[in-house]
Protein backbone atom coordinates (compact mmCIF):
# COMPACT_ATOMS: atom_id res chain seq x y z
CA MET A 1 98.19 92.33 102.26
CA LYS A 2 94.83 92.44 100.42
CA THR A 3 95.92 95.56 98.52
CA LEU A 4 99.11 93.90 97.34
CA GLN A 5 97.19 90.80 96.24
CA ALA A 6 94.67 92.93 94.36
CA GLU A 7 97.46 94.83 92.59
CA ALA A 8 99.25 91.61 91.63
CA SER A 9 96.02 90.12 90.30
CA ALA A 10 95.26 93.23 88.27
CA LEU A 11 98.75 93.20 86.75
CA GLU A 12 98.42 89.48 85.93
CA ARG A 13 95.03 89.97 84.26
CA THR A 14 96.35 92.90 82.24
CA LEU A 15 99.41 90.97 81.09
CA GLN A 16 97.34 87.94 80.14
CA ALA A 17 94.80 90.08 78.29
CA THR A 18 97.47 91.93 76.30
CA ALA A 19 99.57 88.84 75.56
CA GLY A 20 96.59 87.01 74.08
CA ASP A 21 97.54 84.03 71.92
CA ASP A 22 100.91 85.38 70.83
CA PRO A 23 103.43 82.59 71.59
CA SER A 24 106.24 85.11 72.07
CA GLY A 25 104.31 86.62 74.98
CA ARG A 26 104.34 90.03 73.26
CA SER A 27 101.27 91.83 72.01
CA ALA A 28 100.70 94.68 69.62
CA SER A 29 99.64 96.92 72.50
CA LEU A 30 102.97 96.33 74.29
CA ALA A 31 105.05 96.65 71.10
CA ILE A 32 105.33 100.39 71.73
CA LEU A 33 107.68 99.56 74.62
CA GLU A 34 110.23 97.89 72.38
CA ARG A 35 113.60 99.71 72.55
CA MET A 36 112.09 102.25 74.99
CA ARG A 37 113.65 103.24 78.31
CA ILE A 38 111.03 103.75 81.01
CA VAL A 39 111.87 105.65 84.23
CA TYR A 40 109.38 104.79 86.96
CA VAL A 41 109.38 106.94 90.09
CA GLY A 42 107.97 105.53 93.31
CA GLY A 43 105.70 102.51 93.51
CA ARG A 44 105.86 99.39 95.61
CA PRO A 45 108.65 96.82 95.31
CA GLY A 46 106.27 94.06 94.20
CA SER A 47 104.60 96.27 91.64
CA ASN A 48 107.93 97.57 90.41
CA ALA A 49 109.14 94.03 89.74
CA ALA A 50 105.95 93.09 87.90
CA ILE A 51 106.04 96.26 85.77
CA ARG A 52 109.72 95.66 85.00
CA ARG A 53 108.88 92.13 83.76
CA ILE A 54 106.16 93.52 81.49
CA VAL A 55 108.43 96.23 80.05
CA GLU A 56 111.38 93.90 79.57
CA SER A 57 109.24 91.15 78.00
CA ALA A 58 108.12 93.77 75.46
CA GLY A 59 111.76 94.57 74.62
CA GLY A 60 112.09 97.72 76.72
CA GLU A 61 114.26 98.75 79.62
CA MET A 62 113.06 100.06 82.98
CA THR A 63 114.81 102.09 85.66
CA VAL A 64 113.14 102.59 89.05
CA HIS A 65 113.78 105.69 91.14
CA ASP A 66 112.57 105.69 94.73
CA GLY A 67 112.13 109.45 94.81
CA ILE A 68 115.01 110.09 97.20
């Protein structure tokens, strides 16, 4: 449980730091994801959802593959 909380906190801090004061919630550092398709293999369900939100908020698309 502590590991999941630490990962969620790290993702939140990263998103807040990259979003800065931009009212759209997008930042220049995340702009590279716009119109990109990201394929993410593995990961944890909670992390996958958080990463998907980041990618999609930057205008990208994410597909998760569980490795099976």
